[in-house]
Amino acid sequence: MSANRIKPAKQGHLDGACGFYAIVNAIHLLEPDIPQQELFNIAISTFIQDGNPMAFIEGTSRGTIKNVLSRLLEYIHSTYDLTDNTTNEPYRIKFSIPYWVKDNERSRKDVIDTLSQANYRKGAVCILGFGMNDGELDYAHWTVIKGFKDGCFNTHDSSGEAKKIDMDTIRVDSQQRKNSQRPYNFFSEDIFIIERVPAER
């Protein structure tokens, strides 16, 4: 992993491609030696296989994130021999979706505990889908959680999202449309954990 500061790729003003950028930014945090442009090109070319190009403009579903992430990792593992720059040990990148199944426990505490495990320096990040509505702003977005410190989730974001989201400003799976005190509504079903793991020998 490169020691240089890693900057997120930025999306355009007229697209709904934050999900694709979240995939690219998450993988690039874990393996910055793979160029962002290459990751983006492969992500988009694999997305086209699903036959719904308007998702690039209208927004991305978790099913699309799952499919693109699977194909992108397959490409990475067939193209690159990933090794830790410090130990030279081989590794792979894998992902899991902890709340994909409806019957998995998902209280606010569970979700916060899951997301707070993100630490890109230790090889783990999360892609998160959320809604934001404080009574003035109202939008849905995909971002990358790269760490948790001092009660705040640190983002690695493709747009103008806050770099830190305070735990006190979030709800989880709330049915309430807007909330000025807790404007962020984290969707548990839209959490992807992406991590570096030792390669099988």
C-alpha atoms as a PDB file:
ATOM      1  CA  MET A   1       0.000   0.000   0.000  1.00  0.00           C
ATOM      2  CA  SER A   2       1.348   3.419  -0.964  1.00  0.00           C
ATOM      3  CA  ALA A   3       2.264   5.856   1.817  1.00  0.00           C
ATOM      4  CA  ASN A   4       0.983   8.850  -0.186  1.00  0.00           C
ATOM      5  CA  ARG A   5      -2.273  10.552   0.751  1.00  0.00           C
ATOM      6  CA  ILE A   6      -5.129   8.873  -1.104  1.00  0.00           C
ATOM      7  CA  LYS A   7      -7.745  11.173  -2.629  1.00  0.00           C
ATOM      8  CA  PRO A   8     -11.196   9.914  -3.655  1.00  0.00           C
ATOM      9  CA  ALA A   9     -12.319   9.976  -7.279  1.00  0.00           C
ATOM     10  CA  LYS A  10     -15.069  12.585  -7.772  1.00  0.00           C
ATOM     11  CA  GLN A  11     -18.360  12.141  -9.584  1.00  0.00           C
ATOM     12  CA  GLY A  12     -20.066  14.638 -11.907  1.00  0.00           C
ATOM     13  CA  HIS A  13     -22.911  16.972 -10.983  1.00  0.00           C
ATOM     14  CA  LEU A  14     -25.471  15.418 -13.313  1.00  0.00           C
ATOM     15  CA  ASP A  15     -25.034  11.714 -12.715  1.00  0.00           C
ATOM     16  CA  GLY A  16     -26.246   9.277 -10.079  1.00  0.00           C
ATOM     17  CA  ALA A  17     -23.054   7.263 -10.207  1.00  0.00           C
ATOM     18  CA  CYS A  18     -22.068   7.569  -6.542  1.00  0.00           C
ATOM     19  CA  GLY A  19     -22.367   3.792  -6.123  1.00  0.00           C
ATOM     20  CA  PHE A  20     -19.764   3.141  -8.815  1.00  0.00           C
ATOM     21  CA  TYR A  21     -17.453   5.759  -7.345  1.00  0.00           C
ATOM     22  CA  ALA A  22     -17.926   4.209  -3.903  1.00  0.00           C
ATOM     23  CA  ILE A  23     -16.763   0.847  -5.292  1.00  0.00           C
ATOM     24  CA  VAL A  24     -13.716   2.431  -6.949  1.00  0.00           C
ATOM     25  CA  ASN A  25     -12.831   4.531  -3.903  1.00  0.00           C
ATOM     26  CA  ALA A  26     -13.200   1.585  -1.504  1.00  0.00           C
ATOM     27  CA  ILE A  27     -10.940  -0.701  -3.564  1.00  0.00           C
ATOM     28  CA  HIS A  28      -8.431   2.090  -4.188  1.00  0.00           C
ATOM     29  CA  LEU A  29      -8.157   2.761  -0.442  1.00  0.00           C
ATOM     30  CA  LEU A  30      -7.229  -0.876   0.114  1.00  0.00           C
ATOM     31  CA  GLU A  31      -4.920  -1.108  -2.912  1.00  0.00           C
ATOM     32  CA  PRO A  32      -3.831   2.368  -4.098  1.00  0.00           C
ATOM     33  CA  ASP A  33      -1.318   0.910  -6.565  1.00  0.00           C
ATOM     34  CA  ILE A  34      -4.189  -0.024  -8.916  1.00  0.00           C
ATOM     35  CA  PRO A  35      -5.082   3.159 -10.874  1.00  0.00           C
ATOM     36  CA  GLN A  36      -8.514   4.647 -10.187  1.00  0.00           C
ATOM     37  CA  GLN A  37      -9.169   5.014 -13.918  1.00  0.00           C
ATOM     38  CA  GLU A  38      -8.592   1.299 -14.480  1.00  0.00           C
ATOM     39  CA  LEU A  39     -10.897   0.393 -11.589  1.00  0.00           C
ATOM     40  CA  PHE A  40     -13.585   2.745 -12.918  1.00  0.00           C
ATOM     41  CA  ASN A  41     -13.304   1.424 -16.490  1.00  0.00           C
ATOM     42  CA  ILE A  42     -13.702  -2.187 -15.347  1.00  0.00           C
ATOM     43  CA  ALA A  43     -16.537  -1.284 -12.948  1.00  0.00           C
ATOM     44  CA  ILE A  44     -18.505   0.416 -15.729  1.00  0.00           C
ATOM     45  CA  SER A  45     -17.807  -2.289 -18.328  1.00  0.00           C
ATOM     46  CA  THR A  46     -19.020  -4.985 -15.912  1.00  0.00           C
ATOM     47  CA  PHE A  47     -22.055  -2.865 -14.977  1.00  0.00           C
ATOM     48  CA  ILE A  48     -23.117  -2.676 -18.630  1.00  0.00           C
ATOM     49  CA  GLN A  49     -23.584  -6.472 -18.525  1.00  0.00           C
ATOM     50  CA  ASP A  50     -26.641  -5.970 -16.299  1.00  0.00           C
ATOM     51  CA  GLY A  51     -28.492  -4.185 -19.117  1.00  0.00           C
ATOM     52  CA  ASN A  52     -29.679  -1.084 -17.226  1.00  0.00           C
ATOM     53  CA  PRO A  53     -27.404   1.793 -18.280  1.00  0.00           C
ATOM     54  CA  MET A  54     -29.780   4.403 -16.804  1.00  0.00           C
ATOM     55  CA  ALA A  55     -28.681   3.350 -13.303  1.00  0.00           C
ATOM     56  CA  PHE A  56     -25.545   5.389 -14.007  1.00  0.00           C
ATOM     57  CA  ILE A  57     -27.753   8.494 -14.068  1.00  0.00           C
ATOM     58  CA  GLU A  58     -30.705   7.522 -11.877  1.00  0.00           C
ATOM     59  CA  GLY A  59     -28.795   5.828  -9.052  1.00  0.00           C
ATOM     60  CA  THR A  60     -27.462   2.437  -8.114  1.00  0.00           C
ATOM     61  CA  SER A  61     -29.189  -0.405  -6.259  1.00  0.00           C
ATOM     62  CA  ARG A  62     -27.476  -2.725  -3.803  1.00  0.00           C
ATOM     63  CA  GLY A  63     -27.898  -5.590  -6.268  1.00  0.00           C
ATOM     64  CA  THR A  64     -25.912  -3.650  -8.859  1.00  0.00           C
ATOM     65  CA  ILE A  65     -23.236  -2.814  -6.268  1.00  0.00           C
ATOM     66  CA  LYS A  66     -22.981  -6.525  -5.407  1.00  0.00           C
ATOM     67  CA  ASN A  67     -22.704  -7.622  -9.053  1.00  0.00           C
ATOM     68  CA  VAL A  68     -20.167  -4.971 -10.053  1.00  0.00           C
ATOM     69  CA  LEU A  69     -18.069  -5.531  -6.935  1.00  0.00           C
ATOM     70  CA  SER A  70     -17.994  -9.302  -7.557  1.00  0.00           C
ATOM     71  CA  ARG A  71     -16.894  -8.870 -11.172  1.00  0.00           C
ATOM     72  CA  LEU A  72     -14.346  -6.173 -10.357  1.00  0.00           C
ATOM     73  CA  LEU A  73     -12.712  -8.326  -7.682  1.00  0.00           C
ATOM     74  CA  GLU A  74     -12.656 -11.277 -10.073  1.00  0.00           C
ATOM     75  CA  TYR A  75     -10.816  -9.056 -12.571  1.00  0.00           C
ATOM     76  CA  ILE A  76      -8.353  -7.804  -9.934  1.00  0.00           C
ATOM     77  CA  HIS A  77      -7.546 -11.297  -8.674  1.00  0.00           C
ATOM     78  CA  SER A  78      -6.999 -12.623 -12.204  1.00  0.00           C
ATOM     79  CA  THR A  79      -4.855  -9.631 -13.234  1.00  0.00           C
ATOM     80  CA  TYR A  80      -2.791  -8.747 -10.167  1.00  0.00           C
ATOM     81  CA  ASP A  81      -0.751 -10.595  -7.570  1.00  0.00           C
ATOM     82  CA  LEU A  82      -1.674  -8.556  -4.500  1.00  0.00           C
ATOM     83  CA  THR A  83       1.024  -8.410  -1.839  1.00  0.00           C
ATOM     84  CA  ASP A  84       1.382  -6.338   1.296  1.00  0.00           C
ATOM     85  CA  ASN A  85       4.039  -3.652   0.753  1.00  0.00           C
ATOM     86  CA  THR A  86       5.373  -4.094   4.294  1.00  0.00           C
ATOM     87  CA  THR A  87       5.342  -7.870   4.798  1.00  0.00           C
ATOM     88  CA  ASN A  88       5.299  -8.957   1.140  1.00  0.00           C
ATOM     89  CA  GLU A  89       2.584 -11.479   2.123  1.00  0.00           C
ATOM     90  CA  PRO A  90      -0.012 -12.215  -0.586  1.00  0.00           C
ATOM     91  CA  TYR A  91      -3.600 -11.170   0.051  1.00  0.00           C
ATOM     92  CA  ARG A  92      -7.013 -11.026  -1.586  1.00  0.00           C
ATOM     93  CA  ILE A  93      -9.845  -8.540  -1.311  1.00  0.00           C
ATOM     94  CA  LYS A  94     -13.227  -9.944  -0.296  1.00  0.00           C
ATOM     95  CA  PHE A  95     -16.578  -8.442   0.600  1.00  0.00           C
ATOM     96  CA  SER A  96     -19.556  -9.380   2.726  1.00  0.00           C
ATOM     97  CA  ILE A  97     -23.061  -7.975   3.131  1.00  0.00           C
ATOM     98  CA  PRO A  98     -23.934  -8.402   6.817  1.00  0.00           C
ATOM     99  CA  TYR A  99     -27.595  -7.382   6.570  1.00  0.00           C
ATOM    100  CA  TRP A 100     -28.501  -8.775   3.145  1.00  0.00           C
ATOM    101  CA  VAL A 101     -30.911 -11.275   4.742  1.00  0.00           C
ATOM    102  CA  LYS A 102     -33.912  -9.696   6.456  1.00  0.00           C
ATOM    103  CA  ASP A 103     -33.742 -11.807   9.632  1.00  0.00           C
ATOM    104  CA  ASN A 104     -30.224 -10.697  10.619  1.00  0.00           C
ATOM    105  CA  GLU A 105     -30.126  -8.603  13.812  1.00  0.00           C
ATOM    106  CA  ARG A 106     -29.820  -4.937  12.897  1.00  0.00           C
ATOM    107  CA  SER A 107     -30.359  -2.601  15.817  1.00  0.00           C
ATOM    108  CA  ARG A 108     -28.780   0.858  15.725  1.00  0.00           C
ATOM    109  CA  LYS A 109     -26.017  -0.427  18.004  1.00  0.00           C
ATOM    110  CA  ASP A 110     -25.351  -3.452  15.750  1.00  0.00           C
ATOM    111  CA  VAL A 111     -25.068  -1.256  12.673  1.00  0.00           C
ATOM    112  CA  ILE A 112     -22.810   1.280  14.408  1.00  0.00           C
ATOM    113  CA  ASP A 113     -20.610  -1.556  15.715  1.00  0.00           C
ATOM    114  CA  THR A 114     -20.362  -3.020  12.206  1.00  0.00           C
ATOM    115  CA  LEU A 115     -19.451   0.292  10.560  1.00  0.00           C
ATOM    116  CA  SER A 116     -17.028   1.308  13.301  1.00  0.00           C
ATOM    117  CA  GLN A 117     -14.800  -1.663  12.393  1.00  0.00           C
ATOM    118  CA  ALA A 118     -13.760   0.218   9.244  1.00  0.00           C
ATOM    119  CA  ASN A 119     -10.086   1.126   9.265  1.00  0.00           C
ATOM    120  CA  TYR A 120      -8.512   1.349   5.844  1.00  0.00           C
ATOM    121  CA  ARG A 121      -5.007   1.347   7.317  1.00  0.00           C
ATOM    122  CA  LYS A 122      -5.797  -2.098   8.752  1.00  0.00           C
ATOM    123  CA  GLY A 123      -7.381  -3.301   5.516  1.00  0.00           C
ATOM    124  CA  ALA A 124     -11.133  -2.823   6.081  1.00  0.00           C
ATOM    125  CA  VAL A 125     -13.617  -0.288   4.686  1.00  0.00           C
ATOM    126  CA  CYS A 126     -17.395  -0.161   4.249  1.00  0.00           C
ATOM    127  CA  ILE A 127     -19.597   0.988   1.411  1.00  0.00           C
ATOM    128  CA  LEU A 128     -22.743   2.536   2.880  1.00  0.00           C
ATOM    129  CA  GLY A 129     -26.028   3.620   1.347  1.00  0.00           C
ATOM    130  CA  PHE A 130     -27.911   6.297   3.270  1.00  0.00           C
ATOM    131  CA  GLY A 131     -30.579   8.959   3.030  1.00  0.00           C
ATOM    132  CA  MET A 132     -30.066  12.518   4.215  1.00  0.00           C
ATOM    133  CA  ASN A 133     -32.975  14.831   5.019  1.00  0.00           C
ATOM    134  CA  ASP A 134     -32.706  17.717   7.474  1.00  0.00           C
ATOM    135  CA  GLY A 135     -35.801  19.517   6.201  1.00  0.00           C
ATOM    136  CA  GLU A 136     -33.848  21.457   3.578  1.00  0.00           C
ATOM    137  CA  LEU A 137     -31.536  18.944   1.920  1.00  0.00           C
ATOM    138  CA  ASP A 138     -33.092  15.663   0.781  1.00  0.00           C
ATOM    139  CA  TYR A 139     -31.083  13.025  -1.094  1.00  0.00           C
ATOM    140  CA  ALA A 140     -29.845   9.430  -1.114  1.00  0.00           C
ATOM    141  CA  HIS A 141     -26.170   8.585  -1.540  1.00  0.00           C
ATOM    142  CA  TRP A 142     -23.513   5.863  -1.473  1.00  0.00           C
ATOM    143  CA  THR A 143     -20.258   6.636   0.322  1.00  0.00           C
ATOM    144  CA  VAL A 144     -17.200   4.882   1.738  1.00  0.00           C
ATOM    145  CA  ILE A 145     -16.580   4.693   5.483  1.00  0.00           C
ATOM    146  CA  LYS A 146     -12.819   4.518   5.931  1.00  0.00           C
ATOM    147  CA  GLY A 147     -12.596   4.830   9.706  1.00  0.00           C
ATOM    148  CA  PHE A 148     -14.252   5.682  13.001  1.00  0.00           C
ATOM    149  CA  LYS A 149     -12.740   8.093  15.514  1.00  0.00           C
ATOM    150  CA  ASP A 150     -14.022  10.288  18.348  1.00  0.00           C
ATOM    151  CA  GLY A 151     -17.646   9.288  17.711  1.00  0.00           C
ATOM    152  CA  CYS A 152     -17.493  10.145  13.994  1.00  0.00           C
ATOM    153  CA  PHE A 153     -17.512   8.054  10.842  1.00  0.00           C
ATOM    154  CA  ASN A 154     -14.794   9.250   8.462  1.00  0.00           C
ATOM    155  CA  THR A 155     -15.870   9.179   4.821  1.00  0.00           C
ATOM    156  CA  HIS A 156     -13.902   8.870   1.586  1.00  0.00           C
ATOM    157  CA  ASP A 157     -16.527  10.409  -0.647  1.00  0.00           C
ATOM    158  CA  SER A 158     -17.072  11.078  -4.346  1.00  0.00           C
ATOM    159  CA  SER A 159     -19.096  14.280  -3.878  1.00  0.00           C
ATOM    160  CA  GLY A 160     -19.469  17.100  -1.379  1.00  0.00           C
ATOM    161  CA  GLU A 161     -20.510  14.876   1.526  1.00  0.00           C
ATOM    162  CA  ALA A 162     -19.218  15.632   5.015  1.00  0.00           C
ATOM    163  CA  LYS A 163     -15.801  14.133   5.717  1.00  0.00           C
ATOM    164  CA  LYS A 164     -17.020  13.240   9.211  1.00  0.00           C
ATOM    165  CA  ILE A 165     -20.520  12.070  10.130  1.00  0.00           C
ATOM    166  CA  ASP A 166     -21.131  12.334  13.859  1.00  0.00           C
ATOM    167  CA  MET A 167     -22.765   9.312  15.467  1.00  0.00           C
ATOM    168  CA  ASP A 168     -25.297  11.636  17.115  1.00  0.00           C
ATOM    169  CA  THR A 169     -26.613  12.760  13.711  1.00  0.00           C
ATOM    170  CA  ILE A 170     -27.609   9.303  12.433  1.00  0.00           C
ATOM    171  CA  ARG A 171     -30.673   7.099  12.490  1.00  0.00           C
ATOM    172  CA  VAL A 172     -30.771   3.504  11.263  1.00  0.00           C
ATOM    173  CA  ASP A 173     -33.562   2.183   9.022  1.00  0.00           C
ATOM    174  CA  SER A 174     -35.876   4.967  10.168  1.00  0.00           C
ATOM    175  CA  GLN A 175     -39.327   5.283   8.605  1.00  0.00           C
ATOM    176  CA  GLN A 176     -39.342   8.978   9.513  1.00  0.00           C
ATOM    177  CA  ARG A 177     -38.833  10.988   6.327  1.00  0.00           C
ATOM    178  CA  LYS A 178     -36.860  13.883   7.806  1.00  0.00           C
ATOM    179  CA  ASN A 179     -35.210  14.803  11.074  1.00  0.00           C
ATOM    180  CA  SER A 180     -33.321  18.031  11.697  1.00  0.00           C
ATOM    181  CA  GLN A 181     -31.419  16.605  14.696  1.00  0.00           C
ATOM    182  CA  ARG A 182     -30.513  13.269  13.085  1.00  0.00           C
ATOM    183  CA  PRO A 183     -30.636  13.938   9.348  1.00  0.00           C
ATOM    184  CA  TYR A 184     -28.605  10.878   8.284  1.00  0.00           C
ATOM    185  CA  ASN A 185     -30.613   7.676   7.873  1.00  0.00           C
ATOM    186  CA  PHE A 186     -28.207   4.742   7.428  1.00  0.00           C
ATOM    187  CA  PHE A 187     -29.746   1.817   5.535  1.00  0.00           C
ATOM    188  CA  SER A 188     -28.515  -1.418   7.122  1.00  0.00           C
ATOM    189  CA  GLU A 189     -29.296  -3.499   4.033  1.00  0.00           C
ATOM    190  CA  ASP A 190     -26.972  -1.218   2.039  1.00  0.00           C
ATOM    191  CA  ILE A 191     -23.777  -1.970   3.980  1.00  0.00           C
ATOM    192  CA  PHE A 192     -20.895  -3.775   2.293  1.00  0.00           C
ATOM    193  CA  ILE A 193     -17.757  -4.686   4.249  1.00  0.00           C
ATOM    194  CA  ILE A 194     -14.688  -4.847   2.004  1.00  0.00           C
ATOM    195  CA  GLU A 195     -11.439  -6.154   3.439  1.00  0.00           C
ATOM    196  CA  ARG A 196      -7.992  -7.480   2.723  1.00  0.00           C
ATOM    197  CA  VAL A 197      -7.541 -11.097   3.820  1.00  0.00           C
ATOM    198  CA  PRO A 198      -4.566 -13.484   3.569  1.00  0.00           C
ATOM    199  CA  ALA A 199      -4.478 -15.299   0.244  1.00  0.00           C
ATOM    200  CA  GLU A 200      -5.138 -19.025   0.330  1.00  0.00           C
ATOM    201  CA  ARG A 201      -1.952 -20.884  -0.396  1.00  0.00           C
END
